[in-house]
Amino acid sequence: MSADMNEEAGHQQAVFDQAVDEQPTAVKQPHRIVSPRVISISSGKGGVGKTFMSVHMAAHAAKAGQRVLLIDADLGLANVDVMLGLHSSGTMQNLLTGTTPFEELIVHCPQGFDVLPGGSGLYELTSLNVSEQQTILDNLREAGENYDLILIDTAAGIGDNVLYFASASETALVVLTPDPTSLTDAYALIKVLSQQRGVRRFMVLINQTDEIDGHITFKRLLSVTDRYLDVYLDYVGHVPQHLSARRAIQQQRLLNDNDPALRPYLDRLFDHILNRPRDASRSGGLQFFWEHTLSAGLDDDTTDASDRDDTLQAQGAL
């Protein structure tokens, strides 16, 4: 190569280097949500089908290819393992006492999802203290890397554990039936979570009903919450009452995939729930799960007289 050609090549390389240096700095892309989605399934009253919905949603998501962990958070009267016919080597109590590591407590279901068993008949687990809450959080945060979806089947009612798990989840799903006591208790649950734990958005599922009564029940609940509470209710659907559900529970199994009575409703319902956009304000991962719960004051006994009057008026309206 001649000296002139060498000089020209050097000049071109200098121009190229200068152009690269002058390129604007790339704009940093927003951080993509990669943490598992955390959904709590709660009810104001027992016996409305909350655990039935939890186990079938877990199976549905697993069948769709998601890695799913179902936590039985009814720590005094746990029954997810009973409904699924599972036999576990320990419960949440073993985790909290440090006698059994988290990974050894996980039960792998034939339906493709994992279960963390709760505890039945263990009164000491019905109200977790701060240290126990942190133990659960630490284990969930580490295990969360292995899952796309974490479902938390809470106890019924408005106990401390229910408020902890429901308020700390990314999504709070409330299950109820058209029964007046179920409707009233669902309102009480939403009221406590909104006023004492800052939860403002709820998904609502009406079980054991037809389409018309489902809409009527939701409108009754919505009319009262709109009047007395600052919340947003999202009606995700209804599930009809059928003997096949009772038979499945009695036989400790899930509904058959080809069940014509309930499977179509459940499949549409779960697709609707799981395909909803994630709440960016509450999807900061399991660290958010813990920090949000700590920041929510434990003000369960601070209801004043006017608040109690509003509650009585709301119950009368229901």
Protein backbone atom coordinates (compact mmCIF):
# COMPACT_ATOMS: atom_id res chain seq x y z
CA MET A 1 0.00 0.00 0.00
CA SER A 2 1.33 3.45 -0.92
CA ALA A 3 2.01 6.25 1.55
CA ASP A 4 -0.93 8.25 0.11
CA MET A 5 -3.27 5.30 0.62
CA ASN A 6 -2.03 4.83 4.18
CA GLU A 7 -2.64 8.49 4.91
CA GLU A 8 -6.19 8.33 3.46
CA ALA A 9 -7.05 5.21 5.50
CA GLY A 10 -5.80 6.90 8.65
CA HIS A 11 -7.91 9.97 7.94
CA GLN A 12 -11.05 7.84 7.41
CA GLN A 13 -10.46 5.98 10.69
CA ALA A 14 -10.09 9.29 12.57
CA VAL A 15 -13.35 10.58 11.09
CA PHE A 16 -15.13 7.33 12.09
CA ASP A 17 -13.75 7.47 15.66
CA GLN A 18 -14.88 11.08 16.05
CA ALA A 19 -18.38 10.20 14.80
CA VAL A 20 -18.66 7.38 17.32
CA ASP A 21 -17.55 9.67 20.17
CA GLU A 22 -20.18 12.23 19.20
CA GLN A 23 -23.09 9.74 19.24
CA PRO A 24 -25.67 10.67 21.91
CA THR A 25 -25.76 8.48 24.99
CA ALA A 26 -28.41 5.76 24.67
CA VAL A 27 -31.56 6.42 26.65
CA LYS A 28 -31.85 4.00 29.54
CA GLN A 29 -34.84 1.74 29.03
CA PRO A 30 -37.36 1.38 31.85
CA HIS A 31 -36.71 -1.60 34.09
CA ARG A 32 -38.88 -4.52 32.98
CA ILE A 33 -40.95 -6.21 35.66
CA VAL A 34 -39.47 -9.65 36.19
CA SER A 35 -40.66 -10.35 39.71
CA PRO A 36 -43.38 -12.93 40.23
CA ARG A 37 -46.94 -11.70 40.28
CA VAL A 38 -48.43 -12.05 43.78
CA ILE A 39 -52.21 -12.51 44.04
CA SER A 40 -54.07 -13.01 47.31
CA ILE A 41 -57.43 -14.78 47.32
CA SER A 42 -59.57 -13.77 50.31
CA SER A 43 -63.15 -13.75 51.54
CA GLY A 44 -65.03 -12.10 54.34
CA LYS A 45 -66.88 -15.33 55.15
CA GLY A 46 -65.82 -18.97 55.05
CA GLY A 47 -67.44 -21.56 52.81
CA VAL A 48 -67.72 -19.40 49.68
CA GLY A 49 -65.28 -21.42 47.54
CA LYS A 50 -62.12 -19.38 48.07
CA THR A 51 -59.73 -22.34 48.33
CA PHE A 52 -61.50 -24.11 45.46
CA MET A 53 -60.75 -21.07 43.28
CA SER A 54 -57.15 -20.89 44.51
CA VAL A 55 -56.20 -24.46 43.63
CA HIS A 56 -57.93 -24.36 40.24
CA MET A 57 -56.31 -21.05 39.34
CA ALA A 58 -52.92 -22.52 40.24
CA ALA A 59 -53.57 -25.55 38.03
CA HIS A 60 -54.82 -23.36 35.17
CA ALA A 61 -51.73 -21.13 35.25
CA ALA A 62 -49.41 -24.15 35.46
CA LYS A 63 -51.11 -25.75 32.46
CA ALA A 64 -50.48 -22.49 30.56
CA GLY A 65 -46.75 -22.85 31.22
CA GLN A 66 -46.30 -20.62 34.27
CA ARG A 67 -44.22 -21.64 37.26
CA VAL A 68 -46.68 -21.39 40.14
CA LEU A 69 -46.41 -21.46 43.92
CA LEU A 70 -49.63 -21.71 45.95
CA ILE A 71 -49.23 -20.67 49.59
CA ASP A 72 -51.79 -21.94 52.08
CA ALA A 73 -51.91 -18.87 54.30
CA ASP A 74 -54.81 -20.04 56.43
CA LEU A 75 -52.28 -20.76 59.15
CA GLY A 76 -54.76 -21.97 61.74
CA LEU A 77 -57.16 -24.00 59.62
CA ALA A 78 -55.19 -24.82 56.49
CA ASN A 79 -56.92 -27.06 53.95
CA VAL A 80 -55.24 -26.73 50.55
CA ASP A 81 -53.39 -30.00 51.15
CA VAL A 82 -56.65 -31.66 52.21
CA MET A 83 -58.47 -30.49 49.08
CA LEU A 84 -55.66 -31.79 46.87
CA GLY A 85 -55.10 -35.01 48.81
CA LEU A 86 -51.47 -34.09 49.52
CA HIS A 87 -49.23 -35.41 52.25
CA SER A 88 -46.59 -32.96 53.45
CA SER A 89 -43.62 -33.53 55.72
CA GLY A 90 -44.17 -30.25 57.58
CA THR A 91 -46.06 -26.98 57.74
CA MET A 92 -45.38 -23.28 57.94
CA GLN A 93 -44.66 -23.79 61.63
CA ASN A 94 -41.53 -25.76 60.74
CA LEU A 95 -40.36 -22.87 58.61
CA LEU A 96 -40.93 -20.32 61.37
CA THR A 97 -39.17 -22.43 64.01
CA GLY A 98 -36.25 -23.14 61.69
CA THR A 99 -36.61 -26.92 61.95
CA THR A 100 -37.23 -27.46 58.22
CA PRO A 101 -35.88 -25.38 55.33
CA PHE A 102 -38.28 -23.81 52.85
CA GLU A 103 -37.35 -26.05 49.93
CA GLU A 104 -38.08 -29.21 51.92
CA LEU A 105 -41.57 -28.00 52.82
CA ILE A 106 -42.60 -27.45 49.20
CA VAL A 107 -44.94 -30.12 47.86
CA HIS A 108 -44.90 -30.69 44.10
CA CYS A 109 -48.42 -31.42 42.81
CA PRO A 110 -49.16 -33.74 39.89
CA GLN A 111 -51.08 -30.82 38.35
CA GLY A 112 -47.80 -28.99 37.79
CA PHE A 113 -47.65 -26.41 40.58
CA ASP A 114 -46.01 -26.21 44.00
CA VAL A 115 -47.71 -25.84 47.38
CA LEU A 116 -46.37 -24.39 50.62
CA PRO A 117 -48.60 -26.01 53.29
CA GLY A 118 -50.01 -23.96 56.13
CA GLY A 119 -50.93 -25.46 59.48
CA SER A 120 -54.15 -26.84 60.91
CA GLY A 121 -55.08 -26.57 64.57
CA LEU A 122 -52.07 -24.37 65.34
CA TYR A 123 -53.41 -21.43 67.32
CA GLU A 124 -49.98 -19.84 67.66
CA LEU A 125 -49.89 -19.26 63.89
CA THR A 126 -53.17 -17.35 63.71
CA SER A 127 -51.43 -14.00 64.30
CA LEU A 128 -47.87 -13.71 63.02
CA ASN A 129 -45.51 -11.31 64.76
CA VAL A 130 -43.10 -9.05 62.88
CA SER A 131 -40.21 -11.49 63.16
CA GLU A 132 -42.30 -14.31 61.73
CA GLN A 133 -43.52 -12.10 58.91
CA GLN A 134 -39.94 -11.29 58.01
CA THR A 135 -38.98 -14.98 58.06
CA ILE A 136 -41.73 -15.71 55.54
CA LEU A 137 -40.73 -12.74 53.42
CA ASP A 138 -37.05 -13.67 53.36
CA ASN A 139 -37.88 -17.17 52.16
CA LEU A 140 -40.41 -15.94 49.59
CA ARG A 141 -38.00 -13.38 48.23
CA GLU A 142 -35.40 -16.06 47.61
CA ALA A 143 -37.89 -18.59 46.26
CA GLY A 144 -39.57 -15.96 44.08
CA GLU A 145 -36.77 -16.28 41.53
CA ASN A 146 -38.12 -19.73 40.68
CA TYR A 147 -41.75 -18.69 40.04
CA ASP A 148 -43.78 -16.55 37.67
CA LEU A 149 -46.89 -16.49 39.85
CA ILE A 150 -47.44 -16.73 43.61
CA LEU A 151 -51.01 -17.30 44.80
CA ILE A 152 -51.84 -16.79 48.47
CA ASP A 153 -54.95 -18.52 49.79
CA THR A 154 -55.67 -16.53 52.95
CA ALA A 155 -57.99 -17.32 55.82
CA ALA A 156 -61.53 -15.97 55.78
CA GLY A 157 -62.39 -12.82 57.72
CA ILE A 158 -60.35 -9.80 58.79
CA GLY A 159 -57.72 -11.32 61.07
CA ASP A 160 -54.18 -9.97 61.27
CA ASN A 161 -52.76 -12.62 58.94
CA VAL A 162 -55.43 -11.93 56.32
CA LEU A 163 -54.67 -8.21 56.39
CA TYR A 164 -50.93 -8.89 56.19
CA PHE A 165 -51.05 -11.15 53.14
CA ALA A 166 -53.86 -9.36 51.30
CA SER A 167 -52.50 -5.84 51.75
CA ALA A 168 -48.99 -6.85 50.77
CA SER A 169 -49.99 -8.64 47.56
CA GLU A 170 -49.88 -7.00 44.17
CA THR A 171 -53.50 -7.97 43.51
CA ALA A 172 -56.28 -8.60 46.05
CA LEU A 173 -59.06 -10.91 44.83
CA VAL A 174 -62.21 -11.09 46.99
CA VAL A 175 -64.53 -14.10 46.62
CA LEU A 176 -68.14 -13.97 47.80
CA THR A 177 -71.59 -15.41 47.12
CA PRO A 178 -75.00 -13.68 46.83
CA ASP A 179 -75.76 -14.76 50.40
CA PRO A 180 -76.44 -11.59 52.47
CA THR A 181 -73.94 -12.59 55.18
CA SER A 182 -71.23 -13.21 52.58
CA LEU A 183 -71.97 -9.86 50.95
CA THR A 184 -71.83 -8.02 54.28
CA ASP A 185 -68.59 -9.73 55.32
CA ALA A 186 -66.99 -9.02 51.93
CA TYR A 187 -67.79 -5.34 52.41
CA ALA A 188 -66.20 -5.47 55.89
CA LEU A 189 -63.04 -7.02 54.46
CA ILE A 190 -62.77 -4.40 51.71
CA LYS A 191 -63.45 -1.63 54.23
CA VAL A 192 -60.71 -2.72 56.64
CA LEU A 193 -58.15 -3.29 53.91
CA SER A 194 -58.85 0.10 52.33
CA GLN A 195 -59.04 2.20 55.49
CA GLN A 196 -56.34 0.52 57.56
CA ARG A 197 -53.95 -0.92 54.96
CA GLY A 198 -54.30 1.45 52.03
CA VAL A 199 -55.57 -1.09 49.49
CA ARG A 200 -57.58 0.76 46.88
CA ARG A 201 -58.16 -1.77 44.08
CA PHE A 202 -59.95 -5.11 44.39
CA MET A 203 -60.96 -7.82 41.98
CA VAL A 204 -64.36 -9.29 42.86
CA LEU A 205 -65.56 -12.79 42.02
CA ILE A 206 -69.14 -13.92 42.71
CA ASN A 207 -69.32 -17.69 43.23
CA GLN A 208 -72.26 -20.12 43.30
CA THR A 209 -74.56 -17.96 41.21
CA ASP A 210 -75.85 -17.33 37.71
CA GLU A 211 -74.96 -14.39 35.49
CA ILE A 212 -77.93 -12.21 36.46
CA ASP A 213 -77.61 -12.69 40.23
CA GLY A 214 -73.86 -12.24 39.90
CA HIS A 215 -74.30 -8.79 38.39
CA ILE A 216 -77.00 -7.87 40.90
CA THR A 217 -74.78 -8.92 43.83
CA PHE A 218 -71.83 -6.95 42.48
CA LYS A 219 -73.96 -3.84 41.90
CA ARG A 220 -75.20 -4.02 45.49
CA LEU A 221 -71.64 -4.20 46.76
CA LEU A 222 -70.49 -1.46 44.37
CA SER A 223 -73.27 0.93 45.35
CA VAL A 224 -72.28 0.76 49.01
CA THR A 225 -68.51 0.96 48.47
CA ASP A 226 -68.99 3.94 46.15
CA ARG A 227 -70.93 5.67 48.89
CA TYR A 228 -68.75 4.92 51.90
CA LEU A 229 -65.27 3.92 50.66
CA ASP A 230 -62.56 5.25 48.37
CA VAL A 231 -61.95 2.05 46.41
CA TYR A 232 -62.13 0.67 42.88
CA LEU A 233 -63.89 -2.68 42.38
CA ASP A 234 -63.22 -4.74 39.28
CA TYR A 235 -65.88 -7.40 38.62
CA VAL A 236 -63.99 -10.33 37.06
CA GLY A 237 -66.95 -12.69 36.70
CA HIS A 238 -69.20 -15.32 38.23
CA VAL A 239 -69.10 -19.10 38.63
CA PRO A 240 -72.34 -21.10 38.76
CA GLN A 241 -73.17 -23.55 41.51
CA HIS A 242 -72.95 -27.19 40.47
CA LEU A 243 -72.72 -30.64 42.08
CA SER A 244 -69.49 -31.39 40.21
CA ALA A 245 -67.66 -28.89 42.43
CA ARG A 246 -68.93 -30.56 45.60
CA ARG A 247 -67.99 -34.00 44.28
CA ALA A 248 -64.47 -32.81 43.44
CA ILE A 249 -64.02 -31.41 46.94
CA GLN A 250 -65.33 -34.58 48.57
CA GLN A 251 -63.06 -36.74 46.44
CA GLN A 252 -60.02 -34.49 47.08
CA ARG A 253 -59.34 -33.81 43.43
CA LEU A 254 -59.57 -31.04 40.85
CA LEU A 255 -62.38 -30.81 38.33
CA ASN A 256 -61.87 -32.83 35.19
CA ASP A 257 -60.54 -30.80 32.28
CA ASN A 258 -63.58 -31.82 30.21
CA ASP A 259 -66.13 -30.92 32.90
CA PRO A 260 -68.90 -29.19 30.90
CA ALA A 261 -70.58 -27.50 33.84
CA LEU A 262 -67.83 -25.40 35.40
CA ARG A 263 -64.60 -25.65 33.40
CA PRO A 264 -65.68 -23.11 30.72
CA TYR A 265 -66.50 -20.55 33.41
CA LEU A 266 -63.28 -21.20 35.32
CA ASP A 267 -61.08 -21.08 32.23
CA ARG A 268 -62.52 -17.74 31.09
CA LEU A 269 -62.36 -16.37 34.61
CA PHE A 270 -58.72 -17.29 35.19
CA ASP A 271 -57.64 -16.09 31.76
CA HIS A 272 -59.32 -12.77 32.50
CA ILE A 273 -57.55 -12.44 35.85
CA LEU A 274 -54.09 -13.58 34.77
CA ASN A 275 -54.07 -11.60 31.52
CA ARG A 276 -54.90 -8.33 33.21
CA PRO A 277 -52.07 -5.75 33.04
CA ARG A 278 -49.97 -5.71 36.16
CA ASP A 279 -50.32 -2.84 38.61
CA ALA A 280 -47.01 -1.02 38.22
CA SER A 281 -47.53 0.78 41.53
CA ARG A 282 -47.68 -2.52 43.42
CA SER A 283 -45.41 -4.81 41.39
CA GLY A 284 -42.01 -4.04 42.83
CA GLY A 285 -41.33 -7.65 43.72
CA LEU A 286 -41.24 -9.35 47.07
CA GLN A 287 -39.23 -6.54 48.62
CA PHE A 288 -42.31 -4.39 48.03
CA PHE A 289 -44.36 -7.18 49.61
CA TRP A 290 -42.49 -6.64 52.85
CA GLU A 291 -41.94 -2.89 52.86
CA HIS A 292 -45.56 -2.10 52.00
CA THR A 293 -46.77 -4.24 54.89
CA LEU A 294 -44.40 -2.59 57.35
CA SER A 295 -45.51 0.88 56.28
CA ALA A 296 -49.18 0.02 56.77
CA GLY A 297 -49.98 0.75 60.39
CA LEU A 298 -51.65 -1.86 62.55
CA ASP A 299 -54.63 0.33 63.43
CA ASP A 300 -57.24 -2.39 63.74
CA ASP A 301 -58.72 -0.98 66.97
CA THR A 302 -58.83 2.69 66.04
CA THR A 303 -62.30 2.79 64.52
CA ASP A 304 -64.07 5.86 65.85
CA ALA A 305 -67.77 6.29 66.53
CA SER A 306 -68.55 7.97 63.20
CA ASP A 307 -66.76 5.16 61.38
CA ARG A 308 -68.85 2.59 63.22
CA ASP A 309 -72.00 4.51 62.28
CA ASP A 310 -70.96 4.42 58.62
CA THR A 311 -70.40 0.69 58.89
CA LEU A 312 -73.87 0.12 60.32
CA GLN A 313 -75.44 2.27 57.61
CA ALA A 314 -73.51 0.38 54.92
CA GLN A 315 -74.59 -2.97 56.30
CA GLY A 316 -78.18 -1.76 56.27
CA ALA A 317 -77.83 -0.73 52.63
CA LEU A 318 -76.54 -4.19 51.70
